[in-house]
Amino acid sequence: MGVPKRKVSKMRLRTRKAANRWHAPSLGKCQECGTPVRSHTACPACGSYRNRQVLDVTPA
């Protein structure tokens, strides 16, 4: 069984834990309508992705 040779310092422990913290999703603008959209996702407002109409968005 593996046993630590030395005590892990607070700095090393916190640095390791900091890699798993939550990050807010980065938002870009839709090139067609300008609404904020997550990257690599079709725009829910106009239905376009990479200057192509991908989704049929009709007002309900």
C-alpha atoms as a PDB file:
ATOM      1  CA  MET A   1       0.000   0.000   0.000  1.00  0.00           C
ATOM      2  CA  GLY A   2       1.302   3.430  -0.923  1.00  0.00           C
ATOM      3  CA  VAL A   3       2.149   5.643   2.014  1.00  0.00           C
ATOM      4  CA  PRO A   4       3.153   9.325   1.666  1.00  0.00           C
ATOM      5  CA  LYS A   5       6.822   9.885   2.412  1.00  0.00           C
ATOM      6  CA  ARG A   6       6.241  13.479   3.545  1.00  0.00           C
ATOM      7  CA  LYS A   7       3.392  15.763   4.546  1.00  0.00           C
ATOM      8  CA  VAL A   8       1.790  17.486   1.556  1.00  0.00           C
ATOM      9  CA  SER A   9       2.150  21.237   1.995  1.00  0.00           C
ATOM     10  CA  LYS A  10      -0.873  23.529   2.023  1.00  0.00           C
ATOM     11  CA  MET A  11       0.306  25.265  -1.152  1.00  0.00           C
ATOM     12  CA  ARG A  12       0.669  22.015  -3.107  1.00  0.00           C
ATOM     13  CA  LEU A  13      -2.705  20.767  -1.876  1.00  0.00           C
ATOM     14  CA  ARG A  14      -4.504  24.006  -2.750  1.00  0.00           C
ATOM     15  CA  THR A  15      -2.837  24.160  -6.168  1.00  0.00           C
ATOM     16  CA  ARG A  16      -4.067  20.656  -6.938  1.00  0.00           C
ATOM     17  CA  LYS A  17      -7.590  21.423  -5.748  1.00  0.00           C
ATOM     18  CA  ALA A  18      -7.700  24.707  -7.712  1.00  0.00           C
ATOM     19  CA  ALA A  19      -7.660  22.807 -11.017  1.00  0.00           C
ATOM     20  CA  ASN A  20     -11.122  21.377 -10.246  1.00  0.00           C
ATOM     21  CA  ARG A  21     -12.867  24.633  -9.412  1.00  0.00           C
ATOM     22  CA  TRP A  22     -15.966  25.768 -11.290  1.00  0.00           C
ATOM     23  CA  HIS A  23     -15.569  28.147 -14.216  1.00  0.00           C
ATOM     24  CA  ALA A  24     -18.399  30.191 -15.680  1.00  0.00           C
ATOM     25  CA  PRO A  25     -19.136  29.219 -19.290  1.00  0.00           C
ATOM     26  CA  SER A  26     -17.590  31.599 -21.800  1.00  0.00           C
ATOM     27  CA  LEU A  27     -20.129  33.234 -24.075  1.00  0.00           C
ATOM     28  CA  GLY A  28     -19.583  34.595 -27.557  1.00  0.00           C
ATOM     29  CA  LYS A  29     -21.891  36.577 -29.814  1.00  0.00           C
ATOM     30  CA  CYS A  30     -24.021  35.056 -32.538  1.00  0.00           C
ATOM     31  CA  GLN A  31     -22.791  36.311 -35.904  1.00  0.00           C
ATOM     32  CA  GLU A  32     -26.339  36.598 -37.243  1.00  0.00           C
ATOM     33  CA  CYS A  33     -28.366  38.212 -34.433  1.00  0.00           C
ATOM     34  CA  GLY A  34     -25.755  39.146 -31.795  1.00  0.00           C
ATOM     35  CA  THR A  35     -27.271  37.304 -28.837  1.00  0.00           C
ATOM     36  CA  PRO A  36     -24.847  35.685 -26.344  1.00  0.00           C
ATOM     37  CA  VAL A  37     -24.309  32.005 -27.188  1.00  0.00           C
ATOM     38  CA  ARG A  38     -21.975  29.292 -25.866  1.00  0.00           C
ATOM     39  CA  SER A  39     -19.284  28.287 -28.317  1.00  0.00           C
ATOM     40  CA  HIS A  40     -19.845  25.302 -30.648  1.00  0.00           C
ATOM     41  CA  THR A  41     -23.616  25.591 -30.124  1.00  0.00           C
ATOM     42  CA  ALA A  42     -26.420  26.644 -32.461  1.00  0.00           C
ATOM     43  CA  CYS A  43     -28.045  29.954 -31.528  1.00  0.00           C
ATOM     44  CA  PRO A  44     -31.366  29.351 -29.758  1.00  0.00           C
ATOM     45  CA  ALA A  45     -32.705  32.750 -30.865  1.00  0.00           C
ATOM     46  CA  CYS A  46     -32.194  32.548 -34.636  1.00  0.00           C
ATOM     47  CA  GLY A  47     -31.141  28.901 -35.164  1.00  0.00           C
ATOM     48  CA  SER A  48     -27.904  29.601 -37.034  1.00  0.00           C
ATOM     49  CA  TYR A  49     -24.513  27.966 -36.600  1.00  0.00           C
ATOM     50  CA  ARG A  50     -21.412  29.071 -38.517  1.00  0.00           C
ATOM     51  CA  ASN A  51     -23.455  31.348 -40.781  1.00  0.00           C
ATOM     52  CA  ARG A  52     -25.824  28.522 -41.777  1.00  0.00           C
ATOM     53  CA  GLN A  53     -29.454  28.004 -40.786  1.00  0.00           C
ATOM     54  CA  VAL A  54     -29.406  24.784 -38.751  1.00  0.00           C
ATOM     55  CA  LEU A  55     -32.522  24.946 -36.565  1.00  0.00           C
ATOM     56  CA  ASP A  56     -36.044  25.900 -37.535  1.00  0.00           C
ATOM     57  CA  VAL A  57     -36.984  28.510 -34.923  1.00  0.00           C
ATOM     58  CA  THR A  58     -40.624  29.540 -35.071  1.00  0.00           C
ATOM     59  CA  PRO A  59     -42.280  31.781 -32.502  1.00  0.00           C
ATOM     60  CA  ALA A  60     -44.699  29.822 -30.341  1.00  0.00           C
END
